[in-house]
């Protein structure tokens, strides 16, 4: 990451001591099995959202619902995402070569 002037951006550590002063509402912790979503204004830990969660799911933005003792407030879409393999592109048409 870079600043607008092109210099490298310095990391800003977020800790329990400075998170409130920074005005952060949400925290995310990446795990092997999913992403932990923490509503910082309500909880210190959050439920895990598995990596294979359908991206078309409805995800609640109500912080009080993100209690680590309950499943993540996510509602799967009515029609699940259909994964299809891409079709190989058609070969380019042959060009005629002009010889002089």
N, C-alpha and C. Protein backbone atom coordinates (compact mmCIF):
# COMPACT_ATOMS: atom_id res chain seq x y z
N UNK A 1 0.83 -1.17 0.00
CA UNK A 1 0.00 0.00 0.00
C UNK A 1 0.88 1.24 0.00
N UNK A 2 0.36 2.28 -0.62
CA UNK A 2 1.13 3.51 -0.75
C UNK A 2 0.28 4.71 -0.39
N UNK A 3 0.93 5.77 0.07
CA UNK A 3 0.26 7.04 0.30
C UNK A 3 0.01 7.71 -1.04
N UNK A 4 -0.80 8.75 -1.04
CA UNK A 4 -1.12 9.43 -2.30
C UNK A 4 0.11 10.05 -2.95
N UNK A 5 1.16 10.33 -2.16
CA UNK A 5 2.37 10.90 -2.75
C UNK A 5 3.33 9.83 -3.26
N UNK A 6 2.93 8.55 -3.17
CA UNK A 6 3.74 7.46 -3.70
C UNK A 6 4.67 6.82 -2.69
N UNK A 7 4.78 7.39 -1.51
CA UNK A 7 5.64 6.79 -0.48
C UNK A 7 4.93 5.58 0.14
N UNK A 8 5.72 4.61 0.61
CA UNK A 8 5.09 3.44 1.22
C UNK A 8 4.29 3.83 2.47
N UNK A 9 3.11 3.25 2.61
CA UNK A 9 2.28 3.53 3.77
C UNK A 9 2.81 2.77 4.98
N UNK A 10 2.77 3.42 6.13
CA UNK A 10 3.19 2.77 7.36
C UNK A 10 1.99 2.06 7.98
N UNK A 11 2.18 0.85 8.50
CA UNK A 11 1.06 0.15 9.13
C UNK A 11 0.59 0.90 10.38
N UNK A 12 -0.69 0.84 10.63
CA UNK A 12 -1.26 1.44 11.82
C UNK A 12 -1.77 0.30 12.69
N UNK A 13 -1.03 -0.03 13.75
CA UNK A 13 -1.47 -1.14 14.60
C UNK A 13 -2.78 -0.81 15.31
N UNK A 14 -3.69 -1.76 15.34
CA UNK A 14 -4.95 -1.59 16.04
C UNK A 14 -4.92 -2.52 17.25
N UNK A 15 -5.13 -1.93 18.42
CA UNK A 15 -5.13 -2.69 19.66
C UNK A 15 -6.39 -2.38 20.45
N UNK A 16 -6.61 -3.12 21.51
CA UNK A 16 -7.76 -2.81 22.38
C UNK A 16 -7.67 -1.39 22.92
N UNK A 17 -6.44 -0.91 23.12
CA UNK A 17 -6.25 0.42 23.70
C UNK A 17 -6.62 1.55 22.75
N UNK A 18 -6.45 1.36 21.42
CA UNK A 18 -6.71 2.47 20.50
C UNK A 18 -7.88 2.25 19.54
N UNK A 19 -8.51 1.09 19.56
CA UNK A 19 -9.59 0.80 18.60
C UNK A 19 -10.77 1.76 18.77
N UNK A 20 -11.16 2.05 20.02
CA UNK A 20 -12.29 2.97 20.24
C UNK A 20 -11.96 4.37 19.73
N UNK A 21 -10.76 4.84 20.00
CA UNK A 21 -10.37 6.18 19.57
C UNK A 21 -10.30 6.30 18.06
N UNK A 22 -10.07 5.18 17.37
CA UNK A 22 -9.99 5.19 15.91
C UNK A 22 -11.37 5.15 15.27
N UNK A 23 -12.40 4.92 16.07
CA UNK A 23 -13.77 4.89 15.54
C UNK A 23 -14.09 3.63 14.74
N UNK A 24 -13.37 2.56 14.98
CA UNK A 24 -13.62 1.33 14.25
C UNK A 24 -14.88 0.64 14.78
N UNK A 25 -15.70 0.17 13.86
CA UNK A 25 -16.93 -0.53 14.25
C UNK A 25 -16.82 -2.03 14.06
N UNK A 26 -16.00 -2.47 13.13
CA UNK A 26 -15.90 -3.89 12.79
C UNK A 26 -14.44 -4.33 12.76
N UNK A 27 -14.21 -5.57 13.16
CA UNK A 27 -12.90 -6.17 13.07
C UNK A 27 -13.00 -7.49 12.35
N UNK A 28 -11.97 -7.87 11.65
CA UNK A 28 -11.97 -9.11 10.87
C UNK A 28 -10.67 -9.86 11.15
N UNK A 29 -10.80 -11.13 11.51
CA UNK A 29 -9.64 -11.96 11.77
C UNK A 29 -9.71 -13.13 10.79
N UNK A 30 -8.66 -13.29 10.00
CA UNK A 30 -8.63 -14.36 9.00
C UNK A 30 -8.14 -15.65 9.64
N UNK A 31 -8.92 -16.70 9.50
CA UNK A 31 -8.57 -18.03 10.01
C UNK A 31 -8.52 -18.99 8.82
N UNK A 32 -7.92 -20.16 9.02
CA UNK A 32 -7.88 -21.17 7.95
C UNK A 32 -9.28 -21.58 7.51
N UNK A 33 -10.22 -21.64 8.44
CA UNK A 33 -11.56 -22.16 8.15
C UNK A 33 -12.59 -21.06 7.87
N UNK A 34 -12.22 -19.80 7.94
CA UNK A 34 -13.16 -18.74 7.65
C UNK A 34 -12.69 -17.41 8.21
N UNK A 35 -13.56 -16.43 8.15
CA UNK A 35 -13.24 -15.09 8.64
C UNK A 35 -14.10 -14.80 9.87
N UNK A 36 -13.44 -14.41 10.94
CA UNK A 36 -14.15 -14.04 12.16
C UNK A 36 -14.56 -12.58 12.03
N UNK A 37 -15.86 -12.32 12.20
CA UNK A 37 -16.39 -10.97 12.07
C UNK A 37 -16.75 -10.49 13.47
N UNK A 38 -16.13 -9.39 13.89
CA UNK A 38 -16.32 -8.89 15.24
C UNK A 38 -16.97 -7.51 15.18
N UNK A 39 -18.15 -7.39 15.80
CA UNK A 39 -18.81 -6.09 15.95
C UNK A 39 -18.19 -5.43 17.18
N UNK A 40 -17.18 -4.59 16.96
CA UNK A 40 -16.36 -4.07 18.05
C UNK A 40 -17.12 -3.27 19.09
N UNK A 41 -18.24 -2.67 18.70
CA UNK A 41 -19.01 -1.88 19.67
C UNK A 41 -19.82 -2.77 20.62
N UNK A 42 -19.92 -4.07 20.31
CA UNK A 42 -20.71 -4.99 21.12
C UNK A 42 -19.90 -6.13 21.71
N UNK A 43 -18.94 -6.65 20.97
CA UNK A 43 -18.26 -7.89 21.35
C UNK A 43 -16.75 -7.81 21.17
N UNK A 44 -16.05 -8.73 21.85
CA UNK A 44 -14.60 -8.84 21.70
C UNK A 44 -14.22 -9.96 20.74
N UNK A 45 -15.14 -10.86 20.47
CA UNK A 45 -14.95 -11.96 19.51
C UNK A 45 -16.22 -12.06 18.69
N UNK A 46 -16.15 -12.76 17.57
CA UNK A 46 -17.32 -12.88 16.72
C UNK A 46 -17.45 -14.26 16.13
N UNK A 47 -18.56 -14.52 15.45
CA UNK A 47 -18.75 -15.81 14.79
C UNK A 47 -17.86 -15.92 13.55
N UNK A 48 -17.64 -17.15 13.14
CA UNK A 48 -16.81 -17.41 11.95
C UNK A 48 -17.73 -17.55 10.73
N UNK A 49 -17.39 -16.86 9.67
CA UNK A 49 -18.09 -17.01 8.39
C UNK A 49 -17.19 -17.88 7.51
N UNK A 50 -17.65 -19.09 7.16
CA UNK A 50 -16.81 -19.99 6.36
C UNK A 50 -16.43 -19.35 5.02
N UNK A 51 -15.26 -19.71 4.52
CA UNK A 51 -14.77 -19.17 3.27
C UNK A 51 -15.68 -19.54 2.10
N UNK A 52 -16.40 -20.64 2.18
CA UNK A 52 -17.24 -21.05 1.06
C UNK A 52 -18.66 -20.48 1.13
N UNK A 53 -18.87 -19.46 1.97
CA UNK A 53 -20.18 -18.81 2.05
C UNK A 53 -20.51 -18.18 0.70
N UNK A 54 -21.74 -18.42 0.24
CA UNK A 54 -22.18 -17.88 -1.05
C UNK A 54 -22.11 -16.35 -1.00
N UNK A 55 -21.39 -15.70 -1.91
CA UNK A 55 -21.27 -14.25 -1.89
C UNK A 55 -22.58 -13.51 -2.17
N UNK A 56 -23.60 -14.23 -2.62
CA UNK A 56 -24.90 -13.60 -2.86
C UNK A 56 -25.80 -13.66 -1.63
N UNK A 57 -25.28 -14.19 -0.52
CA UNK A 57 -26.05 -14.28 0.72
C UNK A 57 -26.37 -12.89 1.25
N UNK A 58 -27.48 -12.82 2.02
CA UNK A 58 -27.84 -11.58 2.70
C UNK A 58 -27.13 -11.59 4.04
N UNK A 59 -26.34 -10.57 4.30
CA UNK A 59 -25.55 -10.49 5.52
C UNK A 59 -26.04 -9.29 6.32
N UNK A 60 -26.42 -9.54 7.57
CA UNK A 60 -26.94 -8.47 8.41
C UNK A 60 -25.83 -7.52 8.83
N UNK A 61 -26.14 -6.26 8.84
CA UNK A 61 -25.21 -5.25 9.30
C UNK A 61 -25.54 -4.76 10.70
N UNK A 62 -26.43 -5.47 11.40
CA UNK A 62 -26.81 -5.10 12.75
C UNK A 62 -25.77 -5.67 13.73
N UNK A 63 -24.96 -4.83 14.36
CA UNK A 63 -23.87 -5.32 15.20
C UNK A 63 -24.31 -6.27 16.31
N UNK A 64 -25.45 -6.03 16.92
CA UNK A 64 -25.87 -6.87 18.05
C UNK A 64 -26.14 -8.32 17.64
N UNK A 65 -26.31 -8.59 16.35
CA UNK A 65 -26.57 -9.96 15.90
C UNK A 65 -25.30 -10.78 15.70
N UNK A 66 -24.13 -10.15 15.81
CA UNK A 66 -22.86 -10.82 15.56
C UNK A 66 -22.24 -11.35 16.85
N UNK A 67 -23.04 -12.04 17.64
CA UNK A 67 -22.61 -12.67 18.89
C UNK A 67 -21.88 -13.96 18.57
N UNK A 68 -20.73 -14.18 19.17
CA UNK A 68 -19.95 -15.39 18.87
C UNK A 68 -20.63 -16.66 19.36
N UNK A 69 -21.64 -16.53 20.20
CA UNK A 69 -22.37 -17.70 20.70
C UNK A 69 -23.53 -18.10 19.79
N UNK A 70 -23.71 -17.39 18.70
CA UNK A 70 -24.77 -17.70 17.73
C UNK A 70 -24.15 -17.83 16.35
N UNK A 71 -24.86 -18.49 15.44
CA UNK A 71 -24.35 -18.52 14.05
C UNK A 71 -24.32 -17.11 13.47
N UNK A 72 -23.45 -16.91 12.52
CA UNK A 72 -23.37 -15.61 11.84
C UNK A 72 -24.72 -15.30 11.20
N UNK A 73 -25.19 -14.05 11.30
CA UNK A 73 -26.50 -13.68 10.75
C UNK A 73 -26.46 -13.54 9.22
N UNK A 74 -26.41 -14.69 8.58
CA UNK A 74 -26.31 -14.73 7.12
C UNK A 74 -27.44 -15.60 6.59
N UNK A 75 -28.14 -15.10 5.61
CA UNK A 75 -29.23 -15.85 4.98
C UNK A 75 -28.81 -16.19 3.55
N UNK A 76 -28.77 -17.49 3.27
CA UNK A 76 -28.39 -17.93 1.93
C UNK A 76 -29.39 -17.41 0.90
N UNK A 77 -28.95 -17.17 -0.33
CA UNK A 77 -29.87 -16.70 -1.36
C UNK A 77 -30.88 -17.79 -1.72
N UNK A 78 -32.04 -17.36 -2.24
CA UNK A 78 -33.07 -18.31 -2.65
C UNK A 78 -32.54 -19.28 -3.70
N UNK A 79 -31.78 -18.77 -4.63
CA UNK A 79 -31.16 -19.61 -5.66
C UNK A 79 -29.66 -19.56 -5.43
N UNK A 80 -29.05 -20.68 -5.04
CA UNK A 80 -27.61 -20.66 -4.78
C UNK A 80 -26.81 -20.31 -6.03
N UNK A 81 -25.65 -19.78 -5.78
CA UNK A 81 -24.75 -19.42 -6.87
C UNK A 81 -24.41 -20.66 -7.68
N UNK A 82 -24.59 -20.59 -8.98
CA UNK A 82 -24.29 -21.72 -9.85
C UNK A 82 -22.90 -21.53 -10.43
N UNK A 83 -22.04 -22.46 -10.11
CA UNK A 83 -20.67 -22.38 -10.59
C UNK A 83 -20.55 -23.17 -11.88
N UNK A 84 -20.09 -22.51 -12.91
CA UNK A 84 -19.88 -23.18 -14.20
C UNK A 84 -18.44 -22.95 -14.64
N UNK A 85 -17.94 -23.90 -15.37
CA UNK A 85 -16.59 -23.75 -15.89
C UNK A 85 -16.63 -22.83 -17.10
N UNK A 86 -15.64 -21.96 -17.22
CA UNK A 86 -15.63 -21.06 -18.38
C UNK A 86 -15.44 -21.84 -19.68
N UNK A 87 -16.04 -21.32 -20.71
CA UNK A 87 -15.91 -21.93 -22.03
C UNK A 87 -14.60 -21.44 -22.63
N UNK A 88 -13.88 -22.36 -23.24
CA UNK A 88 -12.62 -21.98 -23.88
C UNK A 88 -12.91 -21.01 -25.02
N UNK A 89 -12.08 -19.99 -25.18
CA UNK A 89 -12.33 -19.05 -26.27
C UNK A 89 -12.14 -19.73 -27.62
N UNK A 90 -12.90 -19.25 -28.59
CA UNK A 90 -12.79 -19.80 -29.94
C UNK A 90 -11.43 -19.40 -30.53
N UNK A 91 -10.85 -20.28 -31.32
CA UNK A 91 -9.57 -19.91 -31.93
C UNK A 91 -9.75 -18.73 -32.88
N UNK A 92 -8.73 -17.93 -32.96
CA UNK A 92 -8.78 -16.77 -33.85
C UNK A 92 -8.81 -17.25 -35.29
N UNK A 93 -9.57 -16.57 -36.15
CA UNK A 93 -9.60 -16.98 -37.56
C UNK A 93 -8.23 -16.80 -38.21
N UNK A 94 -7.94 -17.65 -39.12
CA UNK A 94 -6.65 -17.58 -39.83
C UNK A 94 -6.63 -16.33 -40.69
N UNK A 95 -5.50 -15.67 -40.72
CA UNK A 95 -5.35 -14.48 -41.57
C UNK A 95 -4.65 -14.88 -42.84
N UNK A 96 -5.10 -14.28 -43.90
CA UNK A 96 -4.41 -14.56 -45.16
C UNK A 96 -3.14 -13.71 -45.20
N UNK A 97 -2.10 -14.30 -45.68
CA UNK A 97 -0.83 -13.59 -45.77
C UNK A 97 -0.63 -13.12 -47.20
N UNK A 98 -0.27 -11.92 -47.31
CA UNK A 98 0.01 -11.42 -48.66
C UNK A 98 1.51 -11.56 -48.92
N UNK A 99 1.83 -12.06 -50.05
CA UNK A 99 3.24 -12.20 -50.43
C UNK A 99 3.51 -11.30 -51.62
N UNK A 100 4.56 -10.63 -51.59
CA UNK A 100 4.94 -9.72 -52.68
C UNK A 100 6.10 -10.23 -53.45
